[in-house]
Protein backbone atom coordinates (compact mmCIF):
# COMPACT_ATOMS: atom_id res chain seq x y z
CA MET A 1 14.19 2.29 -5.05
CA ILE A 2 11.52 2.74 -2.37
CA PRO A 3 13.14 2.65 1.09
CA PHE A 4 10.35 0.73 2.85
CA THR A 5 10.55 -2.94 3.75
CA PHE A 6 9.12 -5.05 6.55
CA ARG A 7 10.49 -8.51 7.08
CA ILE A 8 10.50 -11.13 9.80
CA ALA A 9 14.02 -12.22 10.62
CA GLY A 10 14.89 -15.34 8.70
CA SER A 11 11.61 -15.75 6.84
CA GLY A 12 11.63 -12.97 4.26
CA ARG A 13 7.84 -12.67 4.62
CA ALA A 14 5.73 -9.90 6.13
CA SER A 15 3.79 -10.75 9.25
CA MET A 16 0.01 -10.50 9.61
CA SER A 17 0.54 -8.24 12.62
CA MET A 18 2.59 -5.82 10.55
CA PRO A 19 0.62 -3.11 8.79
CA ILE A 20 0.12 -3.03 5.04
CA ARG A 21 2.34 -0.24 3.69
CA VAL A 22 0.40 2.10 1.42
CA THR A 23 2.79 4.34 -0.49
CA ILE A 24 1.53 7.13 -2.73
CA LEU A 25 4.08 8.19 -5.34
CA SER A 26 3.47 11.84 -6.11
CA ARG A 27 4.84 15.07 -7.50
CA GLU A 28 4.69 18.63 -6.24
CA ASP A 29 1.37 20.42 -6.83
CA CYS A 30 -0.48 17.20 -7.70
CA HIS A 31 -4.05 17.63 -6.46
CA LEU A 32 -5.05 14.05 -7.29
CA CYS A 33 -2.04 12.78 -5.30
CA ASP A 34 -3.26 14.74 -2.28
CA VAL A 35 -6.77 13.30 -2.65
CA VAL A 36 -5.50 9.71 -2.82
CA TYR A 37 -3.22 10.34 0.18
CA ARG A 38 -6.15 11.72 2.21
CA ILE A 39 -8.16 8.59 1.37
CA ALA A 40 -5.27 6.41 2.56
CA THR A 41 -4.84 8.36 5.81
CA HIS A 42 -8.60 8.14 6.40
CA LEU A 43 -8.40 4.35 6.07
CA GLN A 44 -5.60 4.18 8.66
CA SER A 45 -8.14 4.48 11.47
CA GLU A 46 -10.18 1.59 10.06
CA LEU A 47 -7.58 -0.77 8.59
CA HIS A 48 -4.16 -1.77 9.86
CA ILE A 49 -2.07 0.24 7.37
CA GLU A 50 0.75 2.77 7.27
CA ALA A 51 0.23 5.49 4.67
CA SER A 52 3.05 7.58 3.29
CA LYS A 53 3.54 9.92 0.36
CA VAL A 54 6.82 9.89 -1.56
CA SER A 55 7.78 12.53 -4.09
CA ILE A 56 9.31 11.09 -7.24
CA GLU A 57 10.93 14.43 -8.05
CA GLY A 58 14.63 14.31 -7.32
CA ASP A 59 14.84 10.57 -8.00
CA ARG A 60 15.80 10.00 -11.62
CA VAL A 61 14.85 6.30 -11.61
CA LEU A 62 11.37 6.96 -10.19
CA MET A 63 10.84 9.88 -12.59
CA GLU A 64 11.69 7.70 -15.58
CA ARG A 65 9.44 4.90 -14.40
CA TYR A 66 6.40 6.84 -13.10
CA GLY A 67 6.81 10.40 -14.44
CA THR A 68 3.37 11.03 -15.98
CA ARG A 69 1.44 8.17 -14.34
CA ILE A 70 1.10 9.70 -10.89
CA PRO A 71 -0.38 9.21 -8.44
CA VAL A 72 0.80 5.62 -8.20
CA VAL A 73 -0.38 3.53 -5.26
CA LEU A 74 1.93 0.81 -3.95
CA LEU A 75 0.77 -1.77 -1.43
CA ASP A 76 3.73 -3.42 0.28
CA GLU A 77 5.91 -2.08 -2.58
CA VAL A 78 3.72 -3.64 -5.30
CA GLU A 79 2.02 -1.30 -7.79
CA HIS A 80 -1.77 -1.53 -7.61
CA PHE A 81 -3.22 1.72 -9.00
CA THR A 82 -2.34 4.73 -11.11
CA GLY A 83 -4.41 7.88 -11.43
CA ASN A 84 -7.80 8.24 -9.79
CA VAL A 85 -8.59 5.78 -6.97
CA THR A 86 -11.78 5.57 -4.93
CA GLU A 87 -11.91 4.74 -1.23
CA ALA A 88 -13.78 1.50 -1.98
CA GLU A 89 -11.15 0.40 -4.52
CA LEU A 90 -8.29 1.12 -2.12
CA ARG A 91 -10.04 -0.63 0.78
CA ARG A 92 -10.68 -3.72 -1.37
CA ALA A 93 -7.06 -3.81 -2.59
CA ILE A 94 -5.72 -3.51 0.97
CA LYS A 95 -7.88 -6.40 2.12
CA LYS A 96 -6.71 -8.52 -0.83
CA ALA A 97 -3.07 -7.63 -0.14
CA ARG A 98 -3.47 -8.71 3.48
CA TRP A 99 -5.17 -11.95 2.40
CA ARG A 100 -2.24 -12.74 0.10
CA ARG A 101 0.11 -12.93 3.08
CA PRO A 102 0.67 -16.64 3.78
CA ILE A 103 0.04 -16.39 7.53
CA SER A 104 -3.41 -14.88 6.90
CA ARG A 105 -4.50 -17.89 4.88
CA ILE A 106 -3.08 -20.35 7.41
CA LEU A 107 -4.80 -18.70 10.38
CA PHE A 108 -8.08 -18.48 8.47
CA ARG A 109 -8.02 -22.21 7.72
CA LEU A 110 -7.32 -22.92 11.39
CA GLY A 111 -10.26 -20.75 12.41
CA CYS A 112 -8.02 -18.26 14.24
CA ALA A 113 -8.39 -15.25 11.96
CA PRO A 114 -11.34 -13.02 11.13
CA ARG A 115 -13.05 -13.65 7.82
CA ARG A 116 -11.76 -11.65 4.90
CA GLY A 117 -13.98 -9.21 3.14
């Protein structure tokens, strides 16, 4: 489906040092999609993320699944939002997605990682 994956060899898990992938599923001439993408690119300078925008037009499977629900925001290929998204909501979801990575929790408990928040 979506051609983005980050894995550590042998573990199948994303690393804490790897950026959170923020993918905006969009369609041509979607103003709200552009707004959400601008928010994501703005957050790139502050948070360790990679933002990309993917058009669902031309992909029959994506059109059937997301056709009228765009924009759809995926964090590490997991759907988090559809429609209007604020910067605060996206920032909070990115921080939660990072916290869900097992290495983040381990390092936090060892006192080696910054506090979440």
